Protein backbone atom coordinates (compact mmCIF):
# COMPACT_ATOMS: atom_id res chain seq x y z
CA UNK A 1 9.03 16.13 4.73
CA UNK A 2 6.15 13.70 4.38
CA UNK A 3 4.81 11.45 7.14
CA UNK A 4 2.92 8.24 6.43
CA UNK A 5 0.99 6.07 8.88
CA UNK A 6 -0.53 2.77 7.73
CA UNK A 7 -3.43 0.99 9.40
CA UNK A 8 -6.02 -1.66 8.69
CA UNK A 9 -3.96 -4.81 8.66
CA UNK A 10 -4.98 -7.97 10.46
CA UNK A 11 -5.86 -11.63 10.15
CA UNK A 12 -8.30 -12.64 7.44
CA UNK A 13 -9.40 -15.96 5.95
CA UNK A 14 -8.63 -16.85 2.33
CA UNK A 15 -11.19 -15.25 0.05
CA UNK A 16 -11.77 -12.42 2.49
CA UNK A 17 -11.19 -8.69 2.17
CA UNK A 18 -9.28 -5.95 3.97
CA UNK A 19 -8.90 -2.24 3.40
CA UNK A 20 -5.59 -0.67 4.29
CA UNK A 21 -5.32 3.05 4.97
CA UNK A 22 -2.35 5.38 4.73
CA UNK A 23 -2.69 8.75 6.45
CA UNK A 24 -0.50 11.34 4.74
CA UNK A 25 0.79 14.56 6.28
CA UNK A 26 3.49 17.07 5.49
CA UNK A 27 4.36 18.76 2.20
CA UNK A 28 1.66 17.04 0.16
CA UNK A 29 1.93 19.18 -3.04
CA UNK A 30 5.46 17.83 -3.44
CA UNK A 31 4.13 14.30 -3.93
CA UNK A 32 4.09 12.81 -7.43
CA UNK A 33 2.89 9.31 -6.67
CA UNK A 34 1.58 7.16 -3.85
CA UNK A 35 2.41 3.48 -3.77
CA UNK A 36 1.82 0.33 -1.78
CA UNK A 37 4.62 -2.19 -1.38
CA UNK A 38 4.70 -5.48 0.46
CA UNK A 39 7.41 -7.58 2.04
CA UNK A 40 6.67 -11.26 2.43
CA UNK A 41 7.80 -13.14 5.57
CA UNK A 42 11.44 -14.19 5.41
CA UNK A 43 12.18 -11.96 2.45
CA UNK A 44 14.72 -9.14 2.81
CA UNK A 45 13.90 -5.46 2.48
CA UNK A 46 15.40 -5.25 -1.01
CA UNK A 47 12.80 -7.75 -2.24
CA UNK A 48 9.79 -5.66 -1.39
CA UNK A 49 7.21 -5.85 -4.17
CA UNK A 50 5.44 -2.79 -5.47
CA UNK A 51 1.79 -3.82 -5.71
CA UNK A 52 -0.01 -0.59 -6.59
CA UNK A 53 0.74 2.96 -7.78
CA UNK A 54 -1.48 6.03 -7.92
CA UNK A 55 -0.68 9.32 -9.65
CA UNK A 56 -2.90 12.14 -10.89
CA UNK A 57 -3.08 10.46 -14.29
CA UNK A 58 -2.97 6.70 -13.80
CA UNK A 59 -3.07 3.69 -11.54
CA UNK A 60 -0.90 0.62 -11.96
CA UNK A 61 -0.90 -2.82 -10.37
CA UNK A 62 1.42 -5.77 -10.10
CA UNK A 63 0.22 -8.78 -12.07
CA UNK A 64 -0.07 -10.73 -8.81
CA UNK A 65 -2.84 -8.44 -7.51
CA UNK A 66 -4.46 -7.12 -10.69
CA UNK A 67 -8.23 -7.47 -10.55
CA UNK A 68 -8.21 -8.06 -6.79
CA UNK A 69 -6.63 -4.92 -5.29
CA UNK A 70 -7.66 -1.30 -5.83
CA UNK A 71 -5.69 1.80 -4.84
CA UNK A 72 -7.59 5.02 -4.24
CA UNK A 73 -7.37 8.27 -2.31
CA UNK A 74 -9.58 10.69 -0.43
CA UNK A 75 -7.99 14.13 -0.68
CA UNK A 76 -10.34 15.57 1.95
CA UNK A 77 -8.99 13.06 4.46
CA UNK A 78 -5.42 13.06 3.11
CA UNK A 79 -5.61 9.29 3.03
CA UNK A 80 -4.70 6.65 0.48
CA UNK A 81 -6.38 3.26 0.55
CA UNK A 82 -5.67 -0.23 -0.68
CA UNK A 83 -8.80 -2.33 -1.01
CA UNK A 84 -7.81 -5.97 -1.08
CA UNK A 85 -10.37 -8.57 -2.16
CA UNK A 86 -10.18 -12.31 -2.76
CA UNK A 87 -7.17 -12.53 -0.49
CA UNK A 88 -4.88 -15.52 -0.78
CA UNK A 89 -2.31 -16.94 1.65
CA UNK A 90 0.36 -15.64 -0.75
CA UNK A 91 -0.80 -12.09 0.07
CA UNK A 92 0.51 -12.48 3.62
CA UNK A 93 3.08 -9.74 4.10
CA UNK A 94 3.87 -6.46 5.74
CA UNK A 95 2.34 -3.72 3.61
CA UNK A 96 4.06 -0.36 3.30
CA UNK A 97 2.79 2.94 1.99
CA UNK A 98 5.25 5.16 0.13
CA UNK A 99 5.14 8.69 -1.22
CA UNK A 100 7.44 9.72 -4.04
CA UNK A 101 8.19 13.39 -4.51
CA UNK A 102 8.73 15.13 -7.85
CA UNK A 103 12.44 15.23 -6.95
CA UNK A 104 12.24 11.42 -6.80
CA UNK A 105 12.78 11.17 -3.04
CA UNK A 106 10.73 8.38 -1.48
CA UNK A 107 9.21 8.34 2.00
CA UNK A 108 8.13 5.10 3.71
CA UNK A 109 5.67 4.34 6.42
CA UNK A 110 6.36 1.75 9.13
CA UNK A 111 4.03 -0.83 7.64
CA UNK A 112 0.98 -2.84 8.66
CA UNK A 113 0.84 -6.62 8.88
CA UNK A 114 -1.60 -8.68 6.82
CA UNK A 115 -2.03 -12.39 7.52
CA UNK A 116 -4.22 -14.52 5.28
CA UNK A 117 -4.84 -17.87 6.89
CA UNK A 118 -7.62 -20.28 7.74
């Protein structure tokens, strides 16, 4: 089992920045990758967009956030971060942290809301 708790969402003006955090607990050595997804308002769960991925060997970003978002981790704090810069209204969404195990099972957090508006 892996437990994930997101935090750091809020209201920010266009052009601003936010840093999301994902506290990870449980069977951490079983985790292959950590990811951030987002679900835009009015969009169903099956249209969640994967925006960033972090493994031991690479990071990967969706084209929509490349150059603006950075995924990182602090192993001492068992926390994964998503630094979001140059935020746009189109970034408004609920952001979810996921952990994928080597057996390919995926755990989800409950999400944190990000609103980009003037």
